[in-house]
Amino acid sequence: MPNKDMAASTRPNVIWLLSDQHRGQAMSCASDPNARTPNLDRLAAEGVWFRNAVSGFPLCCPARGSILTGRYPHHAVPGHERPLPEGMPTLAHAFNDAGYHTAWLGKWHVDGFRETAGRAALHTVPRERRGGFETWIGYENNNAQFDSYCHGHRGDTEVPHFRLPAFETDALADLFLEEITENARSERPFFAALSVQPPHDPYTAPAEWMRNYRPADIELRDNVPPIASIQEQARRELPGYYALIENLDANLGRIREHLETLGLTDNTYIVYASDHGDHHGSHGHFRKMTPYQEAIHIPFILGGPCNRHYQLAHETDAVLNHVDFAPTTLGLCGIEVPDEMAGYDYSAVGRRGQAESADTPDAALLQCVEPSGHGPSVDLPWRGVLMRDGWKYIAFSGAPYLLFNLNDDPFEQCNLAHHAHAAGKRRELQQRLREMLLAVGDSFPLPELP
């Protein structure tokens, strides 16, 4: 139910801009020398940047299931191309009940369609499996950003498949601006999500953005090993990756300008985030699925009516997780968070001048419930914990896997998981992980430690 103290006419709007595979390090405000993200930088400077935000399961389908429902993957979407459970409510249902108009545009990827059955871009997601959104114009999955298709519904009207007339991010942003315009004509507040495939591979952007990056100019992260094949692939792919990010950043700028034109700036929160990161050669890995920072660290920036007039960046080291997206978004609007959502409401942290609650989490739970088989990556299930103080511990069922102090070792180059002098910290963090697994009903068998 909506907060009784927040009248419908004064409740804020919320926009989500979700990207796919955008690692949290790849922004100029995060000191990435390759990135050009002036609009994200501005959003972070005027708003609140959760610089330790993570994807608790660095894979599209599980992460998106948790983002939509506020539930952990083992209770929502446990693996690749697995569906959201029948009838499971999303945050759209809570917004609908509070009188909001709800809209989703773009990538969905929680209907369970398997690519072996055909092209996911042309799969029709049934109306009852579109998360309860009043407007839903999207697609299940599509790894071809220059050949994108959408379908869905607007209210009671079904929208058949149609091909986007331009590059995906630009075309979906055009549709999104139209959606915002329609919502501005209504007296109802709105929650609207724009979900785009880029900067997910294939790493190819329109020429006007690609021309800004050359393989020879790319600065690789310190943890990309000096192996010729790995560095060559990273340099081949990263120019397109950064071009996709710059294009996405420009579309964020378009959305903000449109809000200003419509007079909605002072009553609309904007959340920018991604489902997981991308290795690009770090530790010899590519894409996602490992618990290394390049895969789990994501951007999460909250800008809005309480923040835009400030010019000093506000950052928090809170370890916001993917299950926290929905509770935090509902909290911004004064809407009671449903009991079934396991995530934490960080909305108070997202408002300048408000002190954090004593119950703010000190850790984020990390999971790989069902390995996807994507390579080169990890092919065994694992569980882990990222502490707010910078320690991270990961375990397989039979043995400890990783242990890092990110304060001293931000590139995770010294694994302490089997160092004798770190045995006490290993036991401490495994006990914390055990407590978190028990609290969320995850029966993963942790290893026995001496």
Protein backbone atom coordinates (compact mmCIF):
# COMPACT_ATOMS: atom_id res chain seq x y z
CA MET A 1 0.00 0.00 0.00
CA PRO A 2 1.21 3.55 -0.64
CA ASN A 3 2.57 5.63 2.17
CA LYS A 4 -0.43 7.46 3.67
CA ASP A 5 1.71 10.58 4.10
CA MET A 6 2.52 10.81 0.40
CA ALA A 7 -0.49 11.94 -1.65
CA ALA A 8 -0.86 10.48 -5.14
CA SER A 9 -0.47 13.89 -6.76
CA THR A 10 2.90 14.45 -5.07
CA ARG A 11 4.38 10.99 -5.44
CA PRO A 12 7.46 11.00 -7.66
CA ASN A 13 7.93 9.26 -10.97
CA VAL A 14 10.77 6.77 -11.43
CA ILE A 15 12.72 5.89 -14.55
CA TRP A 16 15.00 2.89 -14.81
CA LEU A 17 17.63 2.87 -17.53
CA LEU A 18 19.03 -0.67 -17.54
CA SER A 19 21.95 -1.75 -19.70
CA ASP A 20 23.40 -5.21 -20.19
CA GLN A 21 26.97 -6.19 -19.32
CA HIS A 22 28.18 -2.71 -18.34
CA ARG A 23 30.85 -3.22 -15.71
CA GLY A 24 30.99 -0.65 -12.96
CA GLN A 25 34.58 0.28 -13.72
CA ALA A 26 33.71 1.47 -17.25
CA MET A 27 32.71 5.07 -16.56
CA SER A 28 34.86 8.15 -16.62
CA CYS A 29 33.65 9.07 -13.12
CA ALA A 30 35.08 5.67 -12.05
CA SER A 31 38.48 6.75 -13.44
CA ASP A 32 38.37 4.54 -16.54
CA PRO A 33 40.76 6.28 -18.96
CA ASN A 34 38.93 4.83 -21.99
CA ALA A 35 35.36 5.81 -21.06
CA ARG A 36 33.49 8.93 -22.19
CA THR A 37 30.36 9.18 -20.07
CA PRO A 38 29.56 12.85 -19.41
CA ASN A 39 25.87 12.23 -18.73
CA LEU A 40 26.50 9.39 -16.30
CA ASP A 41 29.17 11.53 -14.64
CA ARG A 42 26.67 14.36 -14.27
CA LEU A 43 24.01 12.02 -12.88
CA ALA A 44 26.55 10.77 -10.33
CA ALA A 45 27.66 14.31 -9.46
CA GLU A 46 24.11 15.52 -8.89
CA GLY A 47 22.80 12.32 -7.36
CA VAL A 48 24.06 9.34 -5.39
CA TRP A 49 26.57 6.86 -6.77
CA PHE A 50 26.58 3.44 -5.14
CA ARG A 51 30.20 2.73 -6.04
CA ASN A 52 30.20 -0.81 -4.56
CA ALA A 53 26.96 -2.01 -6.17
CA VAL A 54 27.06 -5.62 -7.34
CA SER A 55 25.20 -8.18 -9.37
CA GLY A 56 24.79 -11.09 -6.97
CA PHE A 57 24.64 -13.56 -9.88
CA PRO A 58 26.59 -12.21 -12.88
CA LEU A 59 24.41 -13.66 -15.63
CA CYS A 60 21.53 -12.03 -17.54
CA CYS A 61 18.51 -14.18 -16.68
CA PRO A 62 19.14 -14.74 -12.94
CA ALA A 63 20.15 -11.12 -12.40
CA ARG A 64 17.08 -9.80 -14.22
CA GLY A 65 14.78 -12.13 -12.31
CA SER A 66 16.12 -10.76 -9.04
CA ILE A 67 16.02 -7.15 -10.25
CA LEU A 68 12.33 -7.51 -11.14
CA THR A 69 11.19 -9.45 -8.06
CA GLY A 70 13.55 -8.59 -5.22
CA ARG A 71 14.15 -12.33 -4.69
CA TYR A 72 17.40 -14.27 -4.81
CA PRO A 73 18.04 -16.44 -7.89
CA HIS A 74 17.46 -19.76 -6.12
CA HIS A 75 13.89 -18.56 -5.45
CA ALA A 76 13.36 -16.78 -8.79
CA VAL A 77 15.44 -17.46 -11.93
CA PRO A 78 18.25 -19.92 -11.06
CA GLY A 79 20.06 -20.13 -14.39
CA HIS A 80 20.48 -19.25 -18.04
CA GLU A 81 17.30 -19.32 -20.15
CA ARG A 82 15.22 -20.33 -17.15
CA PRO A 83 11.79 -18.66 -16.76
CA LEU A 84 10.45 -16.48 -13.99
CA PRO A 85 8.15 -18.79 -11.95
CA GLU A 86 4.52 -18.74 -13.01
CA GLY A 87 2.55 -16.07 -11.15
CA MET A 88 5.54 -14.59 -9.29
CA PRO A 89 4.83 -10.87 -8.74
CA THR A 90 7.26 -8.18 -9.84
CA LEU A 91 7.67 -4.63 -8.60
CA ALA A 92 5.20 -3.60 -11.34
CA HIS A 93 2.38 -5.22 -9.33
CA ALA A 94 3.27 -3.13 -6.28
CA PHE A 95 3.39 0.04 -8.39
CA ASN A 96 0.07 -0.83 -10.05
CA ASP A 97 -1.56 -1.31 -6.65
CA ALA A 98 -0.26 2.12 -5.59
CA GLY A 99 -1.93 3.81 -8.57
CA TYR A 100 1.13 4.16 -10.79
CA HIS A 101 1.22 3.64 -14.53
CA THR A 102 3.87 1.02 -15.27
CA ALA A 103 5.80 0.53 -18.50
CA TRP A 104 8.61 -1.73 -19.67
CA LEU A 105 10.43 -1.18 -22.98
CA GLY A 106 13.21 -3.40 -24.29
CA LYS A 107 15.06 -6.53 -23.23
CA TRP A 108 13.21 -8.97 -20.93
CA HIS A 109 15.09 -12.31 -20.88
CA VAL A 110 13.11 -14.02 -18.12
CA ASP A 111 10.60 -16.00 -20.20
CA GLY A 112 12.83 -19.07 -20.44
CA PHE A 113 13.03 -19.25 -24.25
CA ARG A 114 15.98 -21.35 -25.40
CA GLU A 115 17.99 -20.19 -28.40
CA THR A 116 18.15 -23.78 -29.69
CA ALA A 117 14.41 -23.44 -30.49
CA GLY A 118 14.94 -20.50 -32.85
CA ARG A 119 15.69 -16.80 -32.68
CA ALA A 120 14.73 -15.34 -29.31
CA ALA A 121 14.16 -11.89 -30.83
CA LEU A 122 11.11 -13.29 -32.66
CA HIS A 123 9.75 -15.25 -29.70
CA THR A 124 6.42 -13.93 -28.40
CA VAL A 125 6.37 -13.50 -24.64
CA PRO A 126 2.79 -14.34 -23.54
CA ARG A 127 0.79 -11.46 -22.07
CA GLU A 128 0.56 -13.18 -18.68
CA ARG A 129 4.36 -13.48 -18.54
CA ARG A 130 5.14 -9.78 -19.02
CA GLY A 131 5.51 -9.00 -15.33
CA GLY A 132 2.24 -7.15 -14.79
CA PHE A 133 3.32 -4.01 -16.68
CA GLU A 134 0.44 -1.94 -18.12
CA THR A 135 2.61 -1.16 -21.13
CA TRP A 136 5.13 -3.77 -22.27
CA ILE A 137 6.95 -3.31 -25.57
CA GLY A 138 9.98 -5.56 -25.65
CA TYR A 139 11.69 -8.76 -26.67
CA GLU A 140 13.01 -11.84 -24.90
CA ASN A 141 16.63 -11.61 -26.08
CA ASN A 142 18.54 -10.38 -29.12
CA ASN A 143 22.26 -10.34 -29.84
CA ALA A 144 21.93 -8.24 -32.99
CA GLN A 145 21.50 -4.58 -32.10
CA PHE A 146 21.19 -3.49 -35.75
CA ASP A 147 18.40 -6.03 -36.39
CA SER A 148 16.05 -5.69 -33.43
CA TYR A 149 12.38 -6.63 -33.09
CA CYS A 150 9.79 -5.78 -30.45
CA HIS A 151 6.22 -6.79 -29.62
CA GLY A 152 3.91 -6.48 -26.65
CA HIS A 153 0.91 -4.46 -25.54
CA ARG A 154 -0.28 -1.00 -24.60
CA GLY A 155 -3.17 -1.38 -22.20
CA ASP A 156 -5.64 -3.76 -23.84
CA THR A 157 -4.11 -3.38 -27.29
CA GLU A 158 -1.69 -6.06 -28.48
CA VAL A 159 1.30 -4.88 -30.51
CA PRO A 160 2.57 -7.45 -33.05
CA HIS A 161 6.23 -7.91 -33.86
CA PHE A 162 7.84 -4.96 -35.61
CA ARG A 163 11.42 -4.22 -36.58
CA LEU A 164 13.09 -1.26 -34.91
CA PRO A 165 13.95 1.32 -37.59
CA ALA A 166 17.42 2.15 -36.25
CA PHE A 167 20.19 0.97 -33.93
CA GLU A 168 18.57 -0.60 -30.88
CA THR A 169 19.52 1.86 -28.14
CA ASP A 170 18.58 4.88 -30.26
CA ALA A 171 15.28 3.37 -31.47
CA LEU A 172 14.20 2.16 -28.04
CA ALA A 173 15.08 5.56 -26.58
CA ASP A 174 12.80 7.16 -29.21
CA LEU A 175 9.94 4.90 -28.09
CA PHE A 176 10.74 5.65 -24.48
CA LEU A 177 10.54 9.41 -25.03
CA GLU A 178 7.10 8.88 -26.57
CA GLU A 179 6.07 6.80 -23.56
CA ILE A 180 7.18 9.53 -21.16
CA THR A 181 5.28 12.12 -23.18
CA GLU A 182 2.09 10.06 -22.92
CA ASN A 183 2.60 9.63 -19.19
CA ALA A 184 3.11 13.38 -18.75
CA ARG A 185 -0.44 13.92 -20.02
CA SER A 186 -1.83 11.80 -17.20
CA GLU A 187 -2.36 12.78 -13.58
CA ARG A 188 -1.02 9.40 -12.50
CA PRO A 189 2.63 9.03 -11.47
CA PHE A 190 4.61 6.53 -13.49
CA PHE A 191 7.32 3.91 -13.22
CA ALA A 192 8.96 3.32 -16.60
CA ALA A 193 11.91 1.08 -17.44
CA LEU A 194 14.06 1.25 -20.57
CA SER A 195 16.10 -1.95 -20.89
CA VAL A 196 18.68 -2.12 -23.69
CA GLN A 197 21.02 -4.87 -24.89
CA PRO A 198 24.21 -2.75 -25.28
CA PRO A 199 26.98 -2.73 -24.28
CA HIS A 200 26.52 -6.53 -24.43
CA ASP A 201 28.35 -8.21 -27.30
CA PRO A 202 28.49 -8.03 -30.28
CA TYR A 203 30.68 -5.01 -29.62
CA THR A 204 29.66 -2.92 -32.62
CA ALA A 205 28.14 0.55 -32.41
CA PRO A 206 27.07 3.04 -35.10
CA ALA A 207 30.01 4.49 -37.02
CA GLU A 208 29.73 7.93 -35.42
CA TRP A 209 30.58 6.33 -32.06
CA MET A 210 32.99 3.64 -33.27
CA ARG A 211 35.29 6.22 -34.81
CA ASN A 212 36.13 7.55 -31.34
CA TYR A 213 38.05 4.43 -30.27
CA ARG A 214 41.04 2.52 -31.65
CA PRO A 215 42.46 -0.79 -30.39
CA ALA A 216 45.96 0.66 -30.11
CA ASP A 217 44.75 3.45 -27.83
CA ILE A 218 42.89 1.23 -25.34
CA GLU A 219 44.39 1.00 -21.85
CA LEU A 220 43.85 -2.52 -20.49
CA ARG A 221 43.20 -3.16 -16.83
CA ASP A 222 46.20 -4.18 -14.75
CA ASN A 223 44.82 -7.70 -14.27
CA VAL A 224 44.66 -8.58 -17.99
CA PRO A 225 47.53 -11.09 -18.24
CA PRO A 226 50.38 -10.51 -20.74
CA ILE A 227 49.23 -13.35 -22.98
CA ALA A 228 49.08 -12.36 -26.62
CA SER A 229 45.79 -14.04 -27.52
CA ILE A 230 44.00 -12.58 -24.49
CA GLN A 231 45.30 -9.04 -25.00
CA GLU A 232 44.54 -9.17 -28.72
CA GLN A 233 40.94 -10.20 -28.11
CA ALA A 234 40.49 -7.55 -25.42
CA ARG A 235 41.84 -4.82 -27.70
CA ARG A 236 39.68 -6.03 -30.57
CA GLU A 237 36.48 -5.94 -28.52
CA LEU A 238 36.93 -3.00 -26.16
CA PRO A 239 36.68 -0.17 -28.75
CA GLY A 240 33.16 -1.28 -29.65
CA TYR A 241 32.31 -1.78 -25.98
CA TYR A 242 33.24 1.78 -25.11
CA ALA A 243 31.49 3.09 -28.22
CA LEU A 244 28.29 1.34 -27.12
CA ILE A 245 28.63 2.88 -23.67
CA GLU A 246 29.17 6.37 -25.09
CA ASN A 247 26.08 5.97 -27.28
CA LEU A 248 24.09 4.79 -24.28
CA ASP A 249 25.34 7.76 -22.28
CA ALA A 250 24.18 10.12 -25.01
CA ASN A 251 20.70 8.60 -24.87
CA LEU A 252 20.62 9.17 -21.12
CA GLY A 253 21.29 12.81 -21.95
CA ARG A 254 18.34 12.80 -24.39
CA ILE A 255 16.04 11.41 -21.69
CA ARG A 256 17.10 14.07 -19.20
CA GLU A 257 16.58 16.85 -21.75
CA HIS A 258 13.12 15.45 -22.52
CA LEU A 259 12.17 15.43 -18.85
CA GLU A 260 13.25 19.06 -18.63
CA THR A 261 11.14 19.98 -21.67
CA LEU A 262 8.09 18.27 -20.17
CA GLY A 263 8.59 19.89 -16.77
CA LEU A 264 9.11 16.53 -15.06
CA THR A 265 12.67 16.97 -13.82
CA ASP A 266 11.81 18.03 -10.29
CA ASN A 267 9.49 15.08 -9.71
CA THR A 268 11.30 12.18 -11.39
CA TYR A 269 13.98 9.87 -10.09
CA ILE A 270 16.37 8.33 -12.60
CA VAL A 271 18.17 5.08 -11.80
CA TYR A 272 20.96 3.93 -14.10
CA ALA A 273 22.19 0.36 -13.57
CA SER A 274 23.24 -2.82 -15.34
CA ASP A 275 22.52 -6.51 -14.80
CA HIS A 276 26.20 -7.58 -14.53
CA GLY A 277 29.65 -6.72 -15.78
CA ASP A 278 32.14 -7.97 -18.39
CA HIS A 279 35.70 -9.28 -17.99
CA HIS A 280 37.34 -8.25 -21.28
CA GLY A 281 40.42 -10.32 -20.52
CA SER A 282 40.79 -9.63 -16.81
CA HIS A 283 42.15 -12.77 -15.12
CA GLY A 284 42.09 -14.39 -18.56
CA HIS A 285 38.27 -14.42 -18.65
CA PHE A 286 35.78 -12.92 -21.07
CA ARG A 287 32.09 -12.00 -20.62
CA LYS A 288 30.65 -12.90 -17.17
CA MET A 289 29.86 -15.74 -14.70
CA THR A 290 32.81 -15.44 -12.30
CA PRO A 291 32.85 -13.65 -8.92
CA TYR A 292 35.70 -11.36 -9.98
CA GLN A 293 34.94 -7.65 -9.72
CA GLU A 294 34.85 -7.12 -13.48
CA ALA A 295 31.84 -9.47 -13.65
CA ILE A 296 29.95 -8.57 -10.47
CA HIS A 297 30.68 -4.85 -10.06
CA ILE A 298 27.96 -2.76 -11.73
CA PRO A 299 27.04 0.90 -12.03
CA PHE A 300 24.13 1.99 -9.86
CA ILE A 301 23.49 5.73 -9.90
CA LEU A 302 20.42 7.38 -8.44
CA GLY A 303 19.52 10.89 -9.51
CA GLY A 304 16.34 12.72 -8.79
CA PRO A 305 14.33 15.55 -7.34
CA CYS A 306 16.10 15.52 -3.99
CA ASN A 307 19.55 15.63 -5.53
CA ARG A 308 19.81 17.52 -8.78
CA HIS A 309 20.69 20.97 -7.39
CA TYR A 310 23.81 19.73 -5.61
CA GLN A 311 27.14 19.96 -7.37
CA LEU A 312 29.35 17.93 -5.04
CA ALA A 313 29.33 14.22 -5.80
CA HIS A 314 27.79 12.03 -3.14
CA GLU A 315 29.09 8.47 -3.02
CA THR A 316 28.28 5.58 -0.75
CA ASP A 317 30.21 2.35 -0.19
CA ALA A 318 26.97 0.48 0.60
CA VAL A 319 27.05 -2.97 -1.04
CA LEU A 320 23.74 -2.68 -2.88
CA ASN A 321 22.84 -5.98 -4.57
CA HIS A 322 20.53 -6.92 -7.47
CA VAL A 323 17.78 -7.98 -5.03
CA ASP A 324 17.80 -4.43 -3.65
CA PHE A 325 16.78 -2.69 -6.89
CA ALA A 326 13.03 -3.24 -6.46
CA PRO A 327 12.74 -2.47 -2.72
CA THR A 328 14.83 0.68 -3.11
CA THR A 329 12.74 1.90 -6.06
CA LEU A 330 9.48 1.30 -4.20
CA GLY A 331 10.93 3.03 -1.16
CA LEU A 332 11.71 6.16 -3.16
CA CYS A 333 7.98 6.46 -3.83
CA GLY A 334 6.82 5.74 -0.30
CA ILE A 335 5.35 2.38 -1.32
CA GLU A 336 5.49 -0.43 1.21
CA VAL A 337 7.89 -3.17 0.17
CA PRO A 338 6.12 -6.55 -0.17
CA ASP A 339 7.14 -9.15 2.39
CA GLU A 340 8.23 -11.61 -0.27
CA MET A 341 11.01 -9.28 -1.46
CA ALA A 342 14.25 -10.35 0.20
CA GLY A 343 16.22 -7.23 -0.75
CA TYR A 344 16.96 -4.13 1.29
CA ASP A 345 15.39 -0.71 0.76
CA TYR A 346 18.28 1.73 0.25
CA SER A 347 16.03 4.67 -0.57
CA ALA A 348 17.12 6.56 2.56
CA VAL A 349 20.77 6.19 1.49
CA GLY A 350 19.72 7.57 -1.89
CA ARG A 351 18.51 10.84 -0.40
CA ARG A 352 21.10 13.43 0.51
CA GLY A 353 21.30 14.47 4.10
CA GLN A 354 19.61 11.35 5.50
CA ALA A 355 21.64 9.17 7.83
CA GLU A 356 21.92 5.48 7.13
CA SER A 357 19.88 3.13 9.28
CA ALA A 358 21.61 0.91 11.80
CA ASP A 359 20.34 -2.13 9.90
CA THR A 360 22.04 -1.21 6.61
CA PRO A 361 23.60 -4.45 5.31
CA ASP A 362 27.29 -5.02 5.95
CA ALA A 363 27.54 -7.59 3.14
CA ALA A 364 26.14 -8.71 -0.21
CA LEU A 365 25.42 -12.36 -0.97
CA LEU A 366 26.93 -13.67 -4.22
CA GLN A 367 25.63 -16.79 -5.98
CA CYS A 368 26.17 -18.97 -9.02
CA VAL A 369 23.26 -21.39 -8.69
CA GLU A 370 23.42 -23.02 -12.13
CA PRO A 371 26.56 -22.49 -14.24
CA SER A 372 25.67 -21.47 -17.78
CA GLY A 373 28.40 -23.22 -19.72
CA HIS A 374 29.56 -19.89 -21.17
CA GLY A 375 33.29 -19.98 -21.73
CA PRO A 376 35.93 -19.20 -20.93
CA SER A 377 34.50 -18.93 -17.44
CA VAL A 378 33.67 -20.93 -14.32
CA ASP A 379 31.76 -24.20 -14.77
CA LEU A 380 31.01 -25.05 -11.12
CA PRO A 381 28.39 -23.57 -8.74
CA TRP A 382 29.77 -21.22 -6.11
CA ARG A 383 28.63 -18.96 -3.30
CA GLY A 384 30.29 -15.92 -1.81
CA VAL A 385 30.08 -12.80 0.27
CA LEU A 386 31.31 -9.27 -0.43
CA MET A 387 31.76 -7.32 2.79
CA ARG A 388 31.31 -3.60 2.96
CA ASP A 389 34.76 -3.35 4.57
CA GLY A 390 36.34 -4.62 1.32
CA TRP A 391 36.85 -8.33 2.03
CA LYS A 392 35.48 -10.92 -0.40
CA TYR A 393 35.25 -14.69 0.04
CA ILE A 394 34.02 -17.26 -2.49
CA ALA A 395 33.65 -21.03 -2.04
CA PHE A 396 32.91 -24.08 -4.14
CA SER A 397 31.02 -26.87 -2.41
CA GLY A 398 34.25 -28.80 -1.87
CA ALA A 399 36.83 -26.09 -1.22
CA PRO A 400 37.45 -22.38 -0.74
CA TYR A 401 37.87 -20.63 -4.09
CA LEU A 402 38.80 -16.95 -3.68
CA LEU A 403 39.68 -14.60 -0.83
CA PHE A 404 40.67 -10.99 -1.45
CA ASN A 405 41.10 -7.77 0.48
CA LEU A 406 39.96 -5.28 -2.16
CA ASN A 407 41.33 -2.35 -0.16
CA ASP A 408 44.88 -3.57 -0.68
CA ASP A 409 44.30 -5.58 -3.85
CA PRO A 410 41.62 -3.91 -6.00
CA PHE A 411 42.64 -5.90 -9.10
CA GLU A 412 42.38 -9.21 -7.20
CA GLN A 413 45.85 -10.41 -8.05
CA CYS A 414 46.70 -12.11 -4.73
CA ASN A 415 44.25 -14.90 -3.87
CA LEU A 416 44.46 -15.55 -0.10
CA ALA A 417 41.96 -18.42 -0.06
CA HIS A 418 44.63 -20.99 0.78
CA HIS A 419 47.18 -18.82 2.55
CA ALA A 420 47.91 -20.09 6.07
CA HIS A 421 48.15 -16.58 7.50
CA ALA A 422 44.62 -15.81 6.22
CA ALA A 423 42.99 -18.90 7.75
CA GLY A 424 41.29 -16.87 10.49
CA LYS A 425 39.73 -14.43 8.01
CA ARG A 426 38.66 -17.36 5.81
CA ARG A 427 36.83 -18.99 8.73
CA GLU A 428 35.27 -15.65 9.74
CA LEU A 429 33.93 -14.94 6.27
CA GLN A 430 32.73 -18.50 5.71
CA GLN A 431 30.71 -18.22 8.92
CA ARG A 432 29.22 -14.93 7.72
CA LEU A 433 28.42 -16.57 4.38
CA ARG A 434 26.83 -19.54 6.17
CA GLU A 435 24.58 -17.17 8.14
CA MET A 436 23.49 -15.35 4.98
CA LEU A 437 22.71 -18.58 3.14
CA LEU A 438 20.66 -19.81 6.08
CA ALA A 439 18.76 -16.50 6.24
CA VAL A 440 17.66 -16.72 2.60
CA GLY A 441 17.01 -20.48 2.51
CA ASP A 442 19.92 -21.42 0.25
CA SER A 443 21.05 -24.98 1.07
CA PHE A 444 24.38 -24.81 -0.81
CA PRO A 445 26.90 -27.09 0.99
CA LEU A 446 29.87 -25.03 2.08
CA PRO A 447 33.25 -26.79 2.46
CA GLU A 448 34.56 -28.00 5.78
CA LEU A 449 37.38 -25.76 6.99
CA PRO A 450 40.21 -26.74 9.36
